[in-house]
């Protein structure tokens, strides 16, 4: 058996809950540094996902406003922020 698991059982039997919480946190959630990094990665993933979809939407709206064509709007939606920047500087 794993020695950490034995310590958890021993602490549970003795009623030492603080030590038990610390041990279970390390075993099941990893170190505090690892948890912080995982949280940062989730925030970045969410931001990138939201930014890309917003850029595509904005590019399609600008394209439709300029060209009145669904095909151009789809193409410009694929280019997303690149088209938005192009539109802002050259239109």
C-alpha atoms as a PDB file:
ATOM      1  CA  UNK A   1       0.000   0.000   0.000  1.00  0.00           C
ATOM      2  CA  UNK A   2       1.001   3.573  -0.600  1.00  0.00           C
ATOM      3  CA  UNK A   3       2.503   5.174   2.521  1.00  0.00           C
ATOM      4  CA  UNK A   4       0.601   8.427   1.949  1.00  0.00           C
ATOM      5  CA  UNK A   5      -2.679   6.501   1.843  1.00  0.00           C
ATOM      6  CA  UNK A   6      -1.781   4.773   5.104  1.00  0.00           C
ATOM      7  CA  UNK A   7      -1.056   8.182   6.679  1.00  0.00           C
ATOM      8  CA  UNK A   8      -4.458   9.453   5.529  1.00  0.00           C
ATOM      9  CA  UNK A   9      -6.215   6.496   7.092  1.00  0.00           C
ATOM     10  CA  UNK A  10      -4.219   6.861  10.286  1.00  0.00           C
ATOM     11  CA  UNK A  11      -5.055  10.583  10.535  1.00  0.00           C
ATOM     12  CA  UNK A  12      -8.715   9.903   9.822  1.00  0.00           C
ATOM     13  CA  UNK A  13      -8.832   7.409  12.634  1.00  0.00           C
ATOM     14  CA  UNK A  14      -7.143   9.822  15.049  1.00  0.00           C
ATOM     15  CA  UNK A  15      -9.422  12.686  13.963  1.00  0.00           C
ATOM     16  CA  UNK A  16      -6.594  14.947  12.867  1.00  0.00           C
ATOM     17  CA  UNK A  17      -8.599  16.675  10.142  1.00  0.00           C
ATOM     18  CA  UNK A  18      -6.169  19.495   9.277  1.00  0.00           C
ATOM     19  CA  UNK A  19      -3.399  17.077   8.457  1.00  0.00           C
ATOM     20  CA  UNK A  20      -5.884  14.887   6.623  1.00  0.00           C
ATOM     21  CA  UNK A  21      -7.021  17.801   4.459  1.00  0.00           C
ATOM     22  CA  UNK A  22      -3.430  18.715   3.645  1.00  0.00           C
ATOM     23  CA  UNK A  23      -2.537  15.164   2.677  1.00  0.00           C
ATOM     24  CA  UNK A  24      -5.619  14.616   0.540  1.00  0.00           C
ATOM     25  CA  UNK A  25      -5.066  17.963  -1.172  1.00  0.00           C
ATOM     26  CA  UNK A  26      -1.533  16.997  -2.126  1.00  0.00           C
ATOM     27  CA  UNK A  27      -2.555  13.561  -3.337  1.00  0.00           C
ATOM     28  CA  UNK A  28      -5.699  14.419  -5.265  1.00  0.00           C
ATOM     29  CA  UNK A  29      -5.076  17.998  -6.403  1.00  0.00           C
ATOM     30  CA  UNK A  30      -1.305  18.157  -6.701  1.00  0.00           C
ATOM     31  CA  UNK A  31       0.969  20.784  -5.282  1.00  0.00           C
ATOM     32  CA  UNK A  32      -0.238  24.391  -4.881  1.00  0.00           C
ATOM     33  CA  UNK A  33       2.057  25.496  -7.710  1.00  0.00           C
ATOM     34  CA  UNK A  34       0.551  22.884 -10.049  1.00  0.00           C
ATOM     35  CA  UNK A  35      -3.003  23.983  -9.158  1.00  0.00           C
ATOM     36  CA  UNK A  36      -2.080  27.633  -9.867  1.00  0.00           C
ATOM     37  CA  UNK A  37      -0.607  26.731 -13.263  1.00  0.00           C
ATOM     38  CA  UNK A  38      -3.674  24.667 -14.164  1.00  0.00           C
ATOM     39  CA  UNK A  39      -5.942  27.617 -13.291  1.00  0.00           C
ATOM     40  CA  UNK A  40      -3.815  29.980 -15.433  1.00  0.00           C
ATOM     41  CA  UNK A  41      -3.974  27.590 -18.399  1.00  0.00           C
ATOM     42  CA  UNK A  42      -7.780  27.404 -18.134  1.00  0.00           C
ATOM     43  CA  UNK A  43      -8.059  31.204 -18.068  1.00  0.00           C
ATOM     44  CA  UNK A  44      -5.830  31.566 -21.140  1.00  0.00           C
ATOM     45  CA  UNK A  45      -7.742  28.843 -23.024  1.00  0.00           C
ATOM     46  CA  UNK A  46     -11.060  30.531 -22.268  1.00  0.00           C
ATOM     47  CA  UNK A  47      -9.749  33.952 -23.293  1.00  0.00           C
ATOM     48  CA  UNK A  48      -8.325  32.664 -26.574  1.00  0.00           C
ATOM     49  CA  UNK A  49     -11.513  30.782 -27.397  1.00  0.00           C
ATOM     50  CA  UNK A  50     -13.680  33.836 -26.698  1.00  0.00           C
ATOM     51  CA  UNK A  51     -11.359  36.185 -28.569  1.00  0.00           C
ATOM     52  CA  UNK A  52     -11.319  34.037 -31.677  1.00  0.00           C
ATOM     53  CA  UNK A  53     -15.066  33.690 -31.856  1.00  0.00           C
ATOM     54  CA  UNK A  54     -15.552  37.412 -31.270  1.00  0.00           C
ATOM     55  CA  UNK A  55     -13.018  38.236 -33.983  1.00  0.00           C
ATOM     56  CA  UNK A  56     -14.748  35.953 -36.467  1.00  0.00           C
ATOM     57  CA  UNK A  57     -18.134  37.464 -35.686  1.00  0.00           C
ATOM     58  CA  UNK A  58     -16.836  41.001 -36.027  1.00  0.00           C
ATOM     59  CA  UNK A  59     -15.062  40.168 -39.301  1.00  0.00           C
ATOM     60  CA  UNK A  60     -18.242  38.678 -40.774  1.00  0.00           C
ATOM     61  CA  UNK A  61     -20.324  41.694 -39.758  1.00  0.00           C
ATOM     62  CA  UNK A  62     -17.806  44.120 -41.263  1.00  0.00           C
ATOM     63  CA  UNK A  63     -17.554  42.005 -44.413  1.00  0.00           C
ATOM     64  CA  UNK A  64     -21.331  41.858 -44.825  1.00  0.00           C
ATOM     65  CA  UNK A  65     -21.562  45.607 -44.301  1.00  0.00           C
ATOM     66  CA  UNK A  66     -18.930  46.225 -46.993  1.00  0.00           C
ATOM     67  CA  UNK A  67     -19.716  43.530 -49.587  1.00  0.00           C
ATOM     68  CA  UNK A  68     -23.285  42.237 -49.006  1.00  0.00           C
ATOM     69  CA  UNK A  69     -22.003  38.708 -49.827  1.00  0.00           C
ATOM     70  CA  UNK A  70     -22.331  35.593 -47.688  1.00  0.00           C
ATOM     71  CA  UNK A  71     -19.324  33.913 -49.329  1.00  0.00           C
ATOM     72  CA  UNK A  72     -17.061  36.885 -48.592  1.00  0.00           C
ATOM     73  CA  UNK A  73     -18.417  37.031 -45.034  1.00  0.00           C
ATOM     74  CA  UNK A  74     -17.559  33.341 -44.481  1.00  0.00           C
ATOM     75  CA  UNK A  75     -14.075  33.799 -45.951  1.00  0.00           C
ATOM     76  CA  UNK A  76     -13.427  36.897 -43.848  1.00  0.00           C
ATOM     77  CA  UNK A  77     -14.793  35.064 -40.774  1.00  0.00           C
ATOM     78  CA  UNK A  78     -12.083  32.440 -41.281  1.00  0.00           C
ATOM     79  CA  UNK A  79      -9.424  35.172 -41.331  1.00  0.00           C
ATOM     80  CA  UNK A  80     -11.127  36.789 -38.292  1.00  0.00           C
ATOM     81  CA  UNK A  81      -8.865  39.380 -36.601  1.00  0.00           C
ATOM     82  CA  UNK A  82      -6.608  39.702 -39.659  1.00  0.00           C
ATOM     83  CA  UNK A  83      -9.566  40.977 -41.686  1.00  0.00           C
ATOM     84  CA  UNK A  84     -10.716  43.260 -38.857  1.00  0.00           C
ATOM     85  CA  UNK A  85      -7.273  44.891 -38.718  1.00  0.00           C
ATOM     86  CA  UNK A  86      -7.189  45.151 -42.528  1.00  0.00           C
ATOM     87  CA  UNK A  87     -10.663  46.715 -42.535  1.00  0.00           C
ATOM     88  CA  UNK A  88      -9.707  49.205 -39.827  1.00  0.00           C
ATOM     89  CA  UNK A  89      -6.603  50.439 -41.684  1.00  0.00           C
ATOM     90  CA  UNK A  90      -7.551  50.232 -45.360  1.00  0.00           C
ATOM     91  CA  UNK A  91     -11.331  50.799 -45.546  1.00  0.00           C
END
